[in-house]
Structure formats: C-alpha cells, structure tokens
Amino acid sequence: MRRLALAAALLCGTAFAAPAQTLRWANDGDVNSMDPYTRQETLLLAFNSHIYEPLVRRDRSMQVEPALAERWEQPSPTVWRFHLRRGVKFTDGTPFTADDVVFSAARARAQGSNVQSMLASVKEIRRVDDHTVEFETAVPNPILLQEITNWGIMSKQWSEKNNATRPADLTSREENFATRNAMGTGPFRLASREPDRRTVLERNPDWWDKPTHNLQRVEFTIVANDATRVAALLSGEIDFVYTVPPQDVERIRRTPGMQVIQGPELRTIYLGFDQNRPQLLKSDVQGRNPFQDVRVRRAVNMAIDAPAIQRTVMRGQSRPTGLLWGPGVNGFSEDDDKRPAVDAEGAKRLLAEAGYPNGFGVTLDCPNDRYVNDEAICTAVVSMLARIGVRVTLAAQTRVRYFAEINAPRFNTSFYLLGWTPATSDAHNVLLNLAHTRDGTRGVFNNGGYSNPRLDQLTDRIAVETDAAARQRMISEAAAILREDAAYAPLHQQQIVWAARQGVEMAQTADNYIQLRHTRIQPR
C-alpha cells in the first residue's frame, strides 16, 4: 500500500482523474531536452518526433514514407530534390517553407549538435523555391532517405526570435529557449515541461496529416523506482510503462486487465574502451594504456559470459551477440555473428602476455536509468572480469550525468557501457558512427578513439556501393575486422518490452519509437 501511495504522490494526484483520451505514460528517466538536435538518443529523438517532423518518416512496418516532403526524385546520382508539402504550418501559425529546411540543416551541423552524422554525406542543401529543396551529396548515397528519417525540422523564425539558432551543448549543461520549449509541425504540441518530473503534450488540432490516434493529451511522468512504476500501472494510476523491469514481466502479463507488448529491438548493448589516450583517466596503471593492446581487449571479451547475462540479468529478454548490429538490420549475417568462447584461463594468459600478469584496475562508467537493467549488467561484468584479475570499480549514475561525462568533448571515460540503434536500420550507420576514425562528421560516437584505416576505407565504400552482394561482402569484412581487433565488447540485443492496461493500442517498431500518432486509448 505504501508503494501505491508513493506512486500516487509521484504522479501528482492524476489517478483516475484524467479524461478518457489522456495517455498517462511513465518511464524511469527523462527526455533531458526538448531540442531534437542535442542528443542522438532513442528516447529523446522518439519523444521529440511527436512535435518535430522529418522530411520522410517510417511507417508501422519501418518503411520510409513521405512526411514534410510529399515526393522526391534524383536528377543525378548525387542530387536529391524534395518537393515540400504545401499548407503545413508550425503550431504558432508560421508557414513551413524551404527556408526552414535550409536553416535546420545548418543548425543540425552547428556547435552543440549531436546529430551531425544524419547529414554527414550531404555537401550542400539549397533552396530552389518556397516548396523545393535540393540535397547534394559528396558521393552517391543509396541510403540518404533512411539517414534523415529522424531529422526533425525546426522553425527558422521561432529559433531566431528566441535566440536558439544553435543547440545548447548538453555535455557542458548548457540551456537555451529550445531546451525547455518546443514548436514544430507534428501531431502534438508541448503544453508544459518540468524536467525530471513531468512533461505534457496536447493534440495539435491543425496537424496536416489525418490522425489515426484518438489522444487529446499525453502525460509523461518520471517514476525512477521500478517497483513504484509497476505498482502505479497495476493500480490503474498510469496507462503505459516504457521501461519494464524484466523481473516483473510475467507478473504484469498474468494480471487481469494488463498486457505486455514485446518484440525484438535493433539496439545492441556493448562495452567500449578508451584506446586513444597514452594513459587511462580512470585506472591504477601509470604510464600506459592497457586497452591499446588488442590482447587486453580480447581478454575482456573472453571473460564476459553474455549467455549468463541473458539468463540471470535479462531473464531471457536479450539475444547474446558478437556483432554491433543484429537481426533486422540490413547487412546482418548469422555467419558474421561470432562470440569468443568464455575462457577465463585463456584470458589470464593474454593479460600476462600483454604485461599484466596480476591484472589491473579500471573504472566502468555505466548508466542506471537508460537501458534495460543497465546497472545490473555492469555489476555482472564487474564480477566476470574479477575472475581474470581485472579489478573494476563501477561508477553508475543517471543518464543526464552519464552522457555528460562520456560524451564530453574529451570523452571523460576509460571503460563504458552504451547501446546503439542504427537509425537507418543499416550496418553502415554503426560503422560510420561507432567504428570510423573520428574526423568531426564520422566516428562521432567512437568515444574510445578506435581507428583502423582498412575499416575506414570499407565504411566509405559501403556508403556508396549499390550492388547488394558486393556491399554485403564489405560489411562482412568490416565485421571480421572489428572482431579481430576486439574494437568493442558487444553484449546483446535487448528486447523491447512495454506494458499497458488493456484498451491501449500501440504500434511497436524495432527502433523502440513510441508512435503516438498511431496510438488509441479506450475508456476503462
């Protein structure tokens, strides 16, 4: 009963008071910013996609379909011409035009933006007329449409009026008007924003598209405690839980009036290493960096028992992997997905060969409210690495502090856990963002500084290759290089698990985006 009372307090007394067409949604962590360019993170991009719309979007089957651009063509292999939808207005009544697209492109590439990779192949975006823009790419790009499905267009006039022409840099805790305010063309508009507490969306009555949802209001509430969040769902105080604790899935499934919505996710959870600094920031090793030695990285991979994590931590709700991309991603091949055998003794021998017969100490940075059981996964890794003499200090913290630390300009981490969902549903997105040598637009999320010239060449060639078989051979070669280099320590693809009361109809897609435009809610 105490948990139910606490849940009621956290939910601000909204229990049973909401209109029938209000979706009350709880999660363990917040969106962090209303600015769609400040972080390339699924929850932030997905939430803001209800307000800001791209030129092209994904439908219920993850296929690309028109959005703010109603059609497009390619006059040449490196030029894409987009014809913008007429009659679209931002929620302040300002007409949507080509000027907003050109402005948004510049803003997405400005200092503080975290979405530069979405436009990495684009050399120039030019206005043809009010309702036509052209994208010129540096080289032919067969997946440009897939790359821009998460790029929401902002209003030039609104941004200039409110001094928000560039994104605030979340890594240095900056804020501007767009951090707590929003104004787009989408199916919903921002009604109120209380960071780390509650955000409310209202239906946009002037949305250009024909709604398939029946929502008038969406209340997004932060309930960090797992037990409290589940109790609020089971008591009827909320309608939908985005992050469901694995240990509670079966209990929710067996509860009358409840449903579990579950399916595979494109996201891969992995461990990364600082391979760039000559000495690690967070280690007891002086004068050198253990992770610069491939034998040490291989030893870490050999020590981690991903199937055990699947059984004990994830309760079966994951797929152990040796790849940074999994099933459902274009370029995935079962033949490429090979994990090293768990071999603690072999790992010890590798450490000794590398000059660490007694192991070494290092800090593992980990979020505790971003991925399914993230802190528990890291705790398991600590125990597994202890068996080979690697003494790991776990530093788990909320996503706000965590991302500010590991995404800081100098990547203040030595060893870290992250997850990555390829926004294009293509392996090239992973290679471009996580594995390519950092150069400002490529390797943006290569936090550990991994670099291999052959892999860079393959990544650039994959980007322009139109022959499917040749492209797959190059992707498989890239996978082999990453495995041989032990560039990362992939763990698993997690399952998407949502929970809701009966009467909530939602479209679940493998990118873990909540598409409110397809959500319907029935009265109790």
Protein backbone atom coordinates (compact mmCIF):
# COMPACT_ATOMS: atom_id res chain seq x y z
CA MET A 1 0.00 0.00 0.00
CA ARG A 2 2.91 2.33 0.76
CA ARG A 3 4.16 1.91 -2.83
CA LEU A 4 0.74 2.76 -4.22
CA ALA A 5 0.57 5.88 -2.11
CA LEU A 6 4.05 6.88 -3.21
CA ALA A 7 3.12 6.29 -6.82
CA ALA A 8 0.08 8.49 -6.41
CA ALA A 9 2.21 11.24 -4.95
CA LEU A 10 4.73 11.00 -7.76
CA LEU A 11 2.01 11.11 -10.35
CA CYS A 12 0.71 14.35 -8.90
CA GLY A 13 -2.70 13.07 -7.98
CA THR A 14 -3.64 12.24 -11.57
CA ALA A 15 -5.01 8.79 -10.78
CA PHE A 16 -8.42 8.23 -12.34
CA ALA A 17 -8.84 11.97 -12.88
CA ALA A 18 -7.60 12.06 -16.47
CA PRO A 19 -10.04 12.24 -19.39
CA ALA A 20 -10.57 9.03 -21.35
CA GLN A 21 -8.40 10.30 -24.19
CA THR A 22 -5.41 11.05 -21.99
CA LEU A 23 -2.48 8.63 -22.12
CA ARG A 24 -0.63 8.54 -18.81
CA TRP A 25 2.85 7.28 -19.53
CA ALA A 26 5.65 6.56 -17.04
CA ASN A 27 9.36 5.96 -17.53
CA ASP A 28 12.40 5.64 -15.29
CA GLY A 29 14.30 8.52 -16.90
CA ASP A 30 13.56 11.82 -18.59
CA VAL A 31 13.98 13.02 -22.17
CA ASN A 32 16.58 15.57 -20.98
CA SER A 33 15.84 18.21 -23.64
CA MET A 34 13.10 19.38 -25.95
CA ASP A 35 15.74 20.27 -28.54
CA PRO A 36 15.82 17.44 -31.13
CA TYR A 37 19.47 18.09 -32.03
CA THR A 38 21.10 17.91 -28.62
CA ARG A 39 21.50 14.15 -28.37
CA GLN A 40 21.26 11.26 -30.80
CA GLU A 41 19.45 9.06 -28.28
CA THR A 42 16.36 6.98 -28.97
CA LEU A 43 14.15 8.29 -26.16
CA LEU A 44 14.93 11.94 -26.91
CA LEU A 45 14.52 11.55 -30.67
CA ALA A 46 11.35 9.47 -30.31
CA PHE A 47 9.69 11.83 -27.84
CA ASN A 48 10.52 14.94 -29.83
CA SER A 49 9.29 13.30 -33.04
CA HIS A 50 5.76 13.90 -31.77
CA ILE A 51 6.47 17.64 -32.05
CA TYR A 52 9.12 17.94 -34.78
CA GLU A 53 8.74 16.10 -38.07
CA PRO A 54 11.26 14.97 -40.71
CA LEU A 55 11.01 15.25 -44.47
CA VAL A 56 10.49 11.48 -44.60
CA ARG A 57 9.47 9.17 -41.78
CA ARG A 58 8.99 5.47 -41.05
CA ASP A 59 5.60 3.78 -41.08
CA ARG A 60 4.39 0.92 -38.86
CA SER A 61 6.46 -1.53 -40.92
CA MET A 62 9.63 0.60 -40.66
CA GLN A 63 9.37 1.54 -44.34
CA VAL A 64 10.19 5.10 -45.45
CA GLU A 65 7.16 7.20 -46.36
CA PRO A 66 6.52 10.88 -47.14
CA ALA A 67 6.19 13.36 -44.29
CA LEU A 68 7.04 17.06 -44.71
CA ALA A 69 8.27 16.18 -48.19
CA GLU A 70 5.40 14.76 -50.24
CA ARG A 71 7.65 13.44 -53.03
CA TRP A 72 11.24 13.40 -54.25
CA GLU A 73 13.42 12.43 -57.19
CA GLN A 74 17.10 12.17 -58.12
CA PRO A 75 18.06 14.39 -61.09
CA SER A 76 21.59 12.96 -60.80
CA PRO A 77 23.34 10.31 -58.65
CA THR A 78 24.43 12.98 -56.15
CA VAL A 79 21.37 15.26 -56.15
CA TRP A 80 18.08 14.62 -54.36
CA ARG A 81 15.22 17.05 -54.99
CA PHE A 82 12.50 17.18 -52.33
CA HIS A 83 9.08 18.72 -53.01
CA LEU A 84 7.76 20.05 -49.72
CA ARG A 85 4.21 19.60 -48.56
CA ARG A 86 2.14 22.74 -49.08
CA GLY A 87 -0.17 24.19 -46.46
CA VAL A 88 1.82 22.88 -43.48
CA LYS A 89 2.12 25.27 -40.54
CA PHE A 90 4.09 25.29 -37.35
CA THR A 91 1.89 25.40 -34.25
CA ASP A 92 2.39 29.17 -33.93
CA GLY A 93 0.79 29.58 -37.36
CA THR A 94 4.03 30.21 -39.29
CA PRO A 95 4.04 28.51 -42.73
CA PHE A 96 6.59 25.73 -43.25
CA THR A 97 8.90 26.53 -46.20
CA ALA A 98 12.23 25.62 -47.75
CA ASP A 99 13.90 28.26 -45.58
CA ASP A 100 13.15 26.13 -42.51
CA VAL A 101 14.82 23.10 -44.08
CA VAL A 102 17.97 25.02 -45.01
CA PHE A 103 18.08 26.61 -41.55
CA SER A 104 17.57 23.25 -39.83
CA ALA A 105 20.43 21.74 -41.81
CA ALA A 106 22.78 24.49 -40.65
CA ARG A 107 21.56 24.14 -37.07
CA ALA A 108 22.00 20.35 -37.12
CA ARG A 109 25.64 20.92 -38.06
CA ALA A 110 26.27 23.74 -35.57
CA GLN A 111 28.31 23.58 -32.39
CA GLY A 112 26.41 21.68 -29.70
CA SER A 113 24.54 19.46 -32.16
CA ASN A 114 24.73 15.73 -31.66
CA VAL A 115 23.07 14.75 -34.95
CA GLN A 116 25.72 15.77 -37.49
CA SER A 117 26.03 12.20 -38.77
CA MET A 118 22.48 12.34 -40.17
CA LEU A 119 23.74 14.76 -42.80
CA ALA A 120 27.35 13.52 -42.98
CA SER A 121 27.16 12.69 -46.70
CA VAL A 122 25.45 15.96 -47.66
CA LYS A 123 27.71 18.60 -49.21
CA GLU A 124 25.05 21.27 -49.66
CA ILE A 125 21.34 21.87 -49.09
CA ARG A 126 19.93 24.64 -51.26
CA ARG A 127 16.59 26.35 -51.62
CA VAL A 128 15.09 26.10 -55.11
CA ASP A 129 11.84 27.86 -54.26
CA ASP A 130 9.49 28.09 -51.27
CA HIS A 131 8.48 24.45 -51.61
CA THR A 132 11.52 22.78 -53.15
CA VAL A 133 14.96 21.97 -51.76
CA GLU A 134 17.90 20.09 -53.21
CA PHE A 135 20.38 17.95 -51.30
CA GLU A 136 23.73 17.48 -53.00
CA THR A 137 25.85 14.67 -51.59
CA ALA A 138 29.61 14.45 -51.87
CA VAL A 139 29.27 10.98 -53.43
CA PRO A 140 26.25 8.85 -54.39
CA ASN A 141 24.41 7.82 -51.23
CA PRO A 142 21.89 4.97 -51.66
CA ILE A 143 20.56 5.28 -48.10
CA LEU A 144 20.12 9.04 -47.76
CA LEU A 145 16.38 8.69 -47.13
CA GLN A 146 16.99 6.25 -44.28
CA GLU A 147 19.58 8.59 -42.77
CA ILE A 148 17.21 11.54 -42.44
CA THR A 149 14.11 9.81 -41.03
CA ASN A 150 14.94 11.11 -37.52
CA TRP A 151 15.93 14.64 -38.53
CA GLY A 152 13.11 16.86 -37.28
CA ILE A 153 12.69 20.23 -38.99
CA MET A 154 12.63 23.34 -36.82
CA SER A 155 11.20 26.78 -37.48
CA LYS A 156 13.77 29.35 -38.59
CA GLN A 157 11.60 32.24 -37.42
CA TRP A 158 10.88 30.73 -33.97
CA SER A 159 14.52 29.80 -33.38
CA GLU A 160 15.78 33.24 -34.37
CA LYS A 161 13.11 35.03 -32.33
CA ASN A 162 14.04 33.05 -29.20
CA ASN A 163 17.83 33.11 -29.64
CA ALA A 164 18.01 29.36 -30.20
CA THR A 165 19.73 29.25 -33.57
CA ARG A 166 22.20 26.64 -32.37
CA PRO A 167 21.63 23.72 -29.99
CA ALA A 168 22.66 24.05 -26.38
CA ASP A 169 25.53 21.67 -25.65
CA LEU A 170 24.21 19.15 -23.11
CA THR A 171 27.71 17.86 -22.38
CA SER A 172 28.51 21.21 -20.73
CA ARG A 173 24.99 21.53 -19.25
CA GLU A 174 24.07 24.49 -21.44
CA GLU A 175 20.46 25.56 -21.94
CA ASN A 176 18.62 27.87 -24.29
CA PHE A 177 14.98 28.50 -25.10
CA ALA A 178 14.68 25.29 -27.13
CA THR A 179 15.84 23.17 -24.19
CA ARG A 180 12.54 23.58 -22.31
CA ASN A 181 10.27 24.83 -25.09
CA ALA A 182 9.28 23.40 -28.46
CA MET A 183 7.34 24.36 -31.55
CA GLY A 184 7.01 22.09 -34.55
CA THR A 185 4.59 20.85 -37.19
CA GLY A 186 3.82 17.45 -35.63
CA PRO A 187 0.69 15.75 -34.29
CA PHE A 188 1.29 17.11 -30.78
CA ARG A 189 2.45 20.34 -29.20
CA LEU A 190 4.23 20.92 -25.91
CA ALA A 191 1.84 22.02 -23.16
CA SER A 192 4.19 22.01 -20.15
CA ARG A 193 7.68 20.90 -19.22
CA GLU A 194 9.01 20.08 -15.74
CA PRO A 195 12.43 18.43 -16.22
CA ASP A 196 12.91 15.11 -14.40
CA ARG A 197 9.29 15.25 -13.25
CA ARG A 198 6.57 15.61 -15.88
CA THR A 199 6.07 16.71 -19.48
CA VAL A 200 2.64 17.17 -21.05
CA LEU A 201 1.75 17.07 -24.74
CA GLU A 202 -1.55 18.18 -26.27
CA ARG A 203 -3.09 17.24 -29.59
CA ASN A 204 -2.26 19.62 -32.45
CA PRO A 205 -5.71 20.34 -33.93
CA ASP A 206 -4.17 21.84 -37.08
CA TRP A 207 -1.87 18.95 -37.96
CA TRP A 208 -1.61 18.48 -41.73
CA ASP A 209 -1.98 14.67 -41.61
CA LYS A 210 -5.09 12.59 -40.97
CA PRO A 211 -4.76 11.33 -37.37
CA THR A 212 -5.11 7.62 -36.69
CA HIS A 213 -4.76 8.28 -32.94
CA ASN A 214 -7.54 9.46 -30.64
CA LEU A 215 -5.40 11.14 -27.98
CA GLN A 216 -6.13 14.62 -26.70
CA ARG A 217 -3.40 14.72 -24.08
CA VAL A 218 -0.26 12.77 -23.14
CA GLU A 219 1.20 12.98 -19.63
CA PHE A 220 4.79 11.71 -19.44
CA THR A 221 5.86 11.19 -15.81
CA ILE A 222 9.21 10.17 -14.39
CA VAL A 223 8.98 7.35 -11.81
CA ALA A 224 12.55 6.20 -11.25
CA ASN A 225 11.85 3.34 -8.86
CA ASP A 226 10.98 0.11 -10.68
CA ALA A 227 8.61 -1.22 -8.02
CA THR A 228 6.77 2.07 -7.74
CA ARG A 229 6.39 2.37 -11.51
CA VAL A 230 4.96 -1.16 -11.85
CA ALA A 231 2.68 -0.64 -8.87
CA ALA A 232 1.28 2.51 -10.47
CA LEU A 233 0.50 0.58 -13.64
CA LEU A 234 -1.17 -2.32 -11.83
CA SER A 235 -3.24 0.04 -9.68
CA GLY A 236 -4.52 1.94 -12.71
CA GLU A 237 -2.77 5.21 -11.92
CA ILE A 238 -0.93 5.13 -15.24
CA ASP A 239 -1.79 3.53 -18.58
CA PHE A 240 1.58 2.68 -20.06
CA VAL A 241 5.14 1.87 -18.92
CA TYR A 242 8.00 2.30 -21.37
CA THR A 243 10.81 0.71 -19.33
CA VAL A 244 9.57 -2.54 -17.79
CA PRO A 245 11.80 -4.33 -15.26
CA PRO A 246 12.49 -7.87 -16.60
CA GLN A 247 11.68 -9.42 -13.23
CA ASP A 248 8.14 -8.02 -13.39
CA VAL A 249 7.19 -9.01 -16.92
CA GLU A 250 5.45 -12.28 -16.08
CA ARG A 251 3.59 -10.77 -13.11
CA ILE A 252 2.24 -7.99 -15.33
CA ARG A 253 1.36 -10.48 -18.07
CA ARG A 254 -0.67 -12.60 -15.58
CA THR A 255 -2.53 -9.62 -14.11
CA PRO A 256 -6.11 -9.27 -15.41
CA GLY A 257 -6.59 -6.11 -17.45
CA MET A 258 -2.89 -5.78 -18.29
CA GLN A 259 -0.87 -6.52 -21.44
CA VAL A 260 2.82 -6.90 -22.24
CA ILE A 261 3.85 -5.64 -25.68
CA GLN A 262 7.11 -7.32 -26.63
CA GLY A 263 9.32 -7.70 -29.68
CA PRO A 264 12.93 -7.62 -30.92
CA GLU A 265 14.86 -4.35 -30.84
CA LEU A 266 17.54 -3.14 -33.24
CA ARG A 267 19.61 -1.80 -30.32
CA THR A 268 22.89 -3.50 -29.38
CA ILE A 269 24.29 -3.08 -25.87
CA TYR A 270 28.09 -3.04 -25.81
CA LEU A 271 31.18 -2.12 -23.81
CA GLY A 272 33.70 0.38 -25.15
CA PHE A 273 37.35 1.01 -24.36
CA ASP A 274 39.48 4.17 -24.37
CA GLN A 275 42.07 3.20 -26.98
CA ASN A 276 43.27 6.75 -27.61
CA ARG A 277 44.98 8.15 -24.51
CA PRO A 278 48.53 7.02 -23.72
CA GLN A 279 47.37 6.66 -20.10
CA LEU A 280 43.83 5.90 -18.94
CA LEU A 281 41.99 8.55 -16.95
CA LYS A 282 40.43 6.07 -14.55
CA SER A 283 42.91 3.28 -13.87
CA ASP A 284 45.70 2.28 -11.49
CA VAL A 285 48.08 1.72 -14.41
CA GLN A 286 50.58 4.53 -14.80
CA GLY A 287 52.39 5.49 -17.98
CA ARG A 288 50.47 3.30 -20.40
CA ASN A 289 47.01 2.31 -21.54
CA PRO A 290 46.13 -1.40 -21.25
CA PHE A 291 43.27 -1.06 -23.75
CA GLN A 292 45.67 -0.06 -26.52
CA ASP A 293 46.82 -3.69 -26.52
CA VAL A 294 44.48 -5.92 -28.53
CA ARG A 295 45.32 -8.83 -26.22
CA VAL A 296 43.78 -6.99 -23.29
CA ARG A 297 40.63 -6.18 -25.26
CA ARG A 298 40.38 -9.80 -26.39
CA ALA A 299 40.81 -10.96 -22.80
CA VAL A 300 37.87 -8.78 -21.71
CA ASN A 301 35.71 -10.26 -24.47
CA MET A 302 36.71 -13.81 -23.48
CA ALA A 303 35.92 -13.18 -19.80
CA ILE A 304 32.38 -11.90 -20.34
CA ASP A 305 29.68 -14.58 -20.35
CA ALA A 306 26.90 -12.93 -22.35
CA PRO A 307 24.62 -16.02 -22.24
CA ALA A 308 24.84 -15.91 -18.43
CA ILE A 309 23.84 -12.24 -18.50
CA GLN A 310 20.92 -13.22 -20.73
CA ARG A 311 19.77 -15.89 -18.26
CA THR A 312 20.31 -14.21 -14.91
CA VAL A 313 20.16 -10.45 -15.52
CA MET A 314 17.89 -10.14 -18.54
CA ARG A 315 15.57 -13.05 -17.66
CA GLY A 316 15.84 -14.32 -21.22
CA GLN A 317 14.89 -10.96 -22.74
CA SER A 318 18.03 -10.47 -24.82
CA ARG A 319 19.97 -12.06 -27.64
CA PRO A 320 23.71 -12.53 -26.95
CA THR A 321 25.80 -11.19 -29.81
CA GLY A 322 29.33 -10.77 -31.08
CA LEU A 323 28.31 -8.01 -33.51
CA LEU A 324 27.46 -4.33 -33.10
CA TRP A 325 24.37 -4.84 -35.28
CA GLY A 326 21.78 -7.58 -35.09
CA PRO A 327 18.83 -9.22 -36.87
CA GLY A 328 16.57 -6.74 -38.62
CA VAL A 329 19.49 -4.51 -39.60
CA ASN A 330 20.38 -4.52 -43.28
CA GLY A 331 23.80 -6.14 -43.57
CA PHE A 332 23.32 -8.60 -40.70
CA SER A 333 24.54 -12.14 -41.34
CA GLU A 334 24.41 -15.02 -38.87
CA ASP A 335 27.81 -16.12 -40.18
CA ASP A 336 29.34 -12.84 -39.02
CA ASP A 337 27.85 -13.04 -35.53
CA LYS A 338 30.50 -14.96 -33.61
CA ARG A 339 31.26 -14.54 -29.91
CA PRO A 340 34.56 -15.76 -28.47
CA ALA A 341 34.21 -18.76 -26.19
CA VAL A 342 34.15 -17.89 -22.50
CA ASP A 343 37.65 -18.78 -21.33
CA ALA A 344 38.89 -17.22 -18.09
CA GLU A 345 42.20 -19.10 -18.14
CA GLY A 346 42.87 -18.11 -21.74
CA ALA A 347 42.02 -14.51 -20.87
CA LYS A 348 44.53 -14.58 -17.99
CA ARG A 349 47.22 -15.83 -20.34
CA LEU A 350 46.53 -12.98 -22.76
CA LEU A 351 46.75 -10.45 -19.93
CA ALA A 352 50.08 -11.93 -18.82
CA GLU A 353 51.41 -11.79 -22.39
CA ALA A 354 50.38 -8.12 -22.55
CA GLY A 355 52.34 -7.38 -19.36
CA TYR A 356 49.51 -7.57 -16.80
CA PRO A 357 50.03 -10.92 -15.03
CA ASN A 358 48.29 -9.54 -11.94
CA GLY A 359 45.59 -7.73 -13.87
CA PHE A 360 44.89 -4.04 -13.36
CA GLY A 361 42.25 -1.68 -12.02
CA VAL A 362 39.84 0.43 -14.09
CA THR A 363 36.54 2.28 -13.64
CA LEU A 364 33.49 1.17 -15.63
CA ASP A 365 31.11 4.06 -16.37
CA CYS A 366 27.51 2.91 -16.61
CA PRO A 367 24.04 4.50 -16.71
CA ASN A 368 21.44 3.30 -14.23
CA ASP A 369 18.28 4.55 -15.93
CA ARG A 370 18.84 4.28 -19.68
CA TYR A 371 18.87 0.64 -20.84
CA VAL A 372 17.08 -2.44 -19.55
CA ASN A 373 18.85 -3.49 -16.33
CA ASP A 374 21.90 -1.42 -17.28
CA GLU A 375 23.42 -1.19 -13.81
CA ALA A 376 22.78 -4.90 -13.17
CA ILE A 377 24.56 -5.75 -16.44
CA CYS A 378 27.56 -3.69 -15.38
CA THR A 379 27.55 -5.34 -11.95
CA ALA A 380 27.68 -8.74 -13.64
CA VAL A 381 30.57 -7.59 -15.84
CA VAL A 382 32.48 -6.45 -12.74
CA SER A 383 32.22 -9.97 -11.28
CA MET A 384 33.20 -11.67 -14.53
CA LEU A 385 36.28 -9.52 -15.04
CA ALA A 386 37.34 -10.06 -11.42
CA ARG A 387 37.87 -13.72 -12.31
CA ILE A 388 40.72 -12.75 -14.65
CA GLY A 389 42.26 -10.16 -12.34
CA VAL A 390 40.74 -7.01 -13.83
CA ARG A 391 39.61 -5.02 -10.82
CA VAL A 392 36.65 -2.92 -11.91
CA THR A 393 35.20 -0.01 -9.96
CA LEU A 394 31.60 0.56 -11.04
CA ALA A 395 30.50 4.19 -11.48
CA ALA A 396 26.76 4.07 -12.19
CA GLN A 397 24.78 7.29 -12.48
CA THR A 398 21.68 8.79 -14.04
CA ARG A 399 21.65 9.30 -17.80
CA VAL A 400 21.94 13.09 -17.52
CA ARG A 401 25.24 12.90 -15.65
CA TYR A 402 26.40 9.81 -17.50
CA PHE A 403 26.04 11.17 -21.02
CA ALA A 404 27.57 14.49 -20.00
CA GLU A 405 30.60 12.52 -18.81
CA ILE A 406 31.19 10.12 -21.66
CA ASN A 407 30.07 12.46 -24.46
CA ALA A 408 32.13 15.37 -23.19
CA PRO A 409 34.46 16.85 -25.84
CA ARG A 410 37.37 14.76 -24.46
CA PHE A 411 35.27 11.69 -23.56
CA ASN A 412 35.92 11.51 -19.82
CA THR A 413 35.81 7.73 -19.62
CA SER A 414 38.14 4.75 -19.79
CA PHE A 415 35.64 1.89 -20.00
CA TYR A 416 31.93 2.33 -20.58
CA LEU A 417 28.59 0.72 -21.44
CA LEU A 418 26.40 2.08 -24.21
CA GLY A 419 23.63 0.99 -26.56
CA TRP A 420 23.25 1.84 -30.24
CA THR A 421 20.25 1.61 -32.55
CA PRO A 422 21.16 2.26 -36.20
CA ALA A 423 18.70 4.97 -37.22
CA THR A 424 18.92 3.85 -40.85
CA SER A 425 18.38 0.16 -39.96
CA ASP A 426 21.61 -0.42 -41.87
CA ALA A 427 25.03 -1.68 -40.70
CA HIS A 428 26.72 1.31 -42.32
CA ASN A 429 25.19 3.56 -39.68
CA VAL A 430 27.00 1.59 -36.98
CA LEU A 431 30.31 1.61 -38.84
CA LEU A 432 30.03 5.33 -39.60
CA ASN A 433 29.19 6.38 -36.05
CA LEU A 434 30.97 3.88 -33.81
CA ALA A 435 33.92 2.47 -35.76
CA HIS A 436 35.17 5.04 -38.26
CA THR A 437 38.13 7.17 -37.17
CA ARG A 438 36.80 10.38 -35.62
CA ASP A 439 37.04 13.31 -38.03
CA GLY A 440 34.24 15.65 -36.96
CA THR A 441 31.42 14.12 -39.01
CA ARG A 442 32.39 10.44 -38.99
CA GLY A 443 33.09 8.47 -35.84
CA VAL A 444 31.07 10.97 -33.80
CA PHE A 445 30.19 8.30 -31.21
CA ASN A 446 33.51 6.47 -31.40
CA ASN A 447 34.15 7.51 -27.81
CA GLY A 448 37.12 5.21 -27.36
CA GLY A 449 39.06 6.52 -30.35
CA TYR A 450 39.32 3.17 -32.16
CA SER A 451 40.96 3.56 -35.58
CA ASN A 452 41.70 1.13 -38.41
CA PRO A 453 42.47 2.54 -41.90
CA ARG A 454 41.12 -0.55 -43.69
CA LEU A 455 37.84 -0.30 -41.81
CA ASP A 456 37.62 3.41 -42.67
CA GLN A 457 38.05 2.54 -46.36
CA LEU A 458 35.34 -0.12 -46.17
CA THR A 459 32.94 2.22 -44.38
CA ASP A 460 33.36 4.87 -47.07
CA ARG A 461 32.93 2.30 -49.87
CA ILE A 462 29.85 0.72 -48.26
CA ALA A 463 28.27 4.18 -48.19
CA VAL A 464 28.25 4.42 -51.99
CA GLU A 465 28.07 0.76 -53.12
CA THR A 466 24.78 0.00 -54.92
CA ASP A 467 25.46 -3.68 -55.69
CA ALA A 468 23.84 -5.57 -52.79
CA ALA A 469 26.10 -8.62 -52.93
CA ALA A 470 29.30 -6.57 -53.11
CA ARG A 471 28.06 -4.36 -50.30
CA GLN A 472 27.33 -7.38 -48.09
CA ARG A 473 30.82 -8.76 -48.66
CA MET A 474 32.30 -5.47 -47.50
CA ILE A 475 30.05 -5.38 -44.42
CA SER A 476 31.12 -8.92 -43.53
CA GLU A 477 34.79 -7.95 -43.93
CA ALA A 478 34.21 -4.97 -41.64
CA ALA A 479 32.60 -7.28 -39.07
CA ALA A 480 35.64 -9.56 -39.20
CA ILE A 481 38.00 -6.61 -38.65
CA LEU A 482 36.03 -5.40 -35.63
CA ARG A 483 36.05 -8.92 -34.19
CA GLU A 484 39.79 -9.42 -34.83
CA ASP A 485 40.62 -6.01 -33.33
CA ALA A 486 38.24 -6.55 -30.39
CA ALA A 487 37.31 -2.94 -31.05
CA TYR A 488 34.33 -3.27 -28.69
CA ALA A 489 32.82 -5.92 -26.44
CA PRO A 490 29.28 -6.47 -27.79
CA LEU A 491 26.89 -7.98 -25.23
CA HIS A 492 23.38 -8.41 -26.58
CA GLN A 493 20.42 -7.03 -28.45
CA GLN A 494 17.78 -6.29 -25.86
CA GLN A 495 14.10 -6.98 -26.29
CA ILE A 496 11.58 -4.16 -26.43
CA VAL A 497 9.20 -4.72 -23.54
CA TRP A 498 6.36 -2.30 -22.91
CA ALA A 499 3.43 -2.78 -20.57
CA ALA A 500 -0.01 -1.20 -20.70
CA ARG A 501 -3.52 -1.66 -19.49
CA GLN A 502 -5.97 -3.36 -21.80
CA GLY A 503 -7.60 -0.82 -24.10
CA VAL A 504 -4.33 0.87 -25.04
CA GLU A 505 -3.50 0.11 -28.68
CA MET A 506 0.09 0.88 -29.70
CA ALA A 507 2.29 0.23 -32.72
CA GLN A 508 5.64 -1.19 -31.59
CA THR A 509 8.50 -0.97 -34.07
CA ALA A 510 12.01 -2.42 -33.78
CA ASP A 511 13.57 1.04 -33.31
CA ASN A 512 11.73 1.34 -29.94
CA TYR A 513 10.00 4.53 -31.04
CA ILE A 514 6.63 5.18 -29.44
CA GLN A 515 4.50 6.42 -32.32
CA LEU A 516 1.75 8.37 -30.59
CA ARG A 517 0.25 9.19 -33.97
CA HIS A 518 -0.81 5.51 -34.15
CA THR A 519 -1.90 5.16 -30.50
CA ARG A 520 -5.51 4.75 -29.45
CA ILE A 521 -6.89 4.50 -25.95
CA GLN A 522 -10.27 3.14 -24.94
CA PRO A 523 -12.21 4.10 -21.80
CA ARG A 524 -11.84 1.84 -18.78
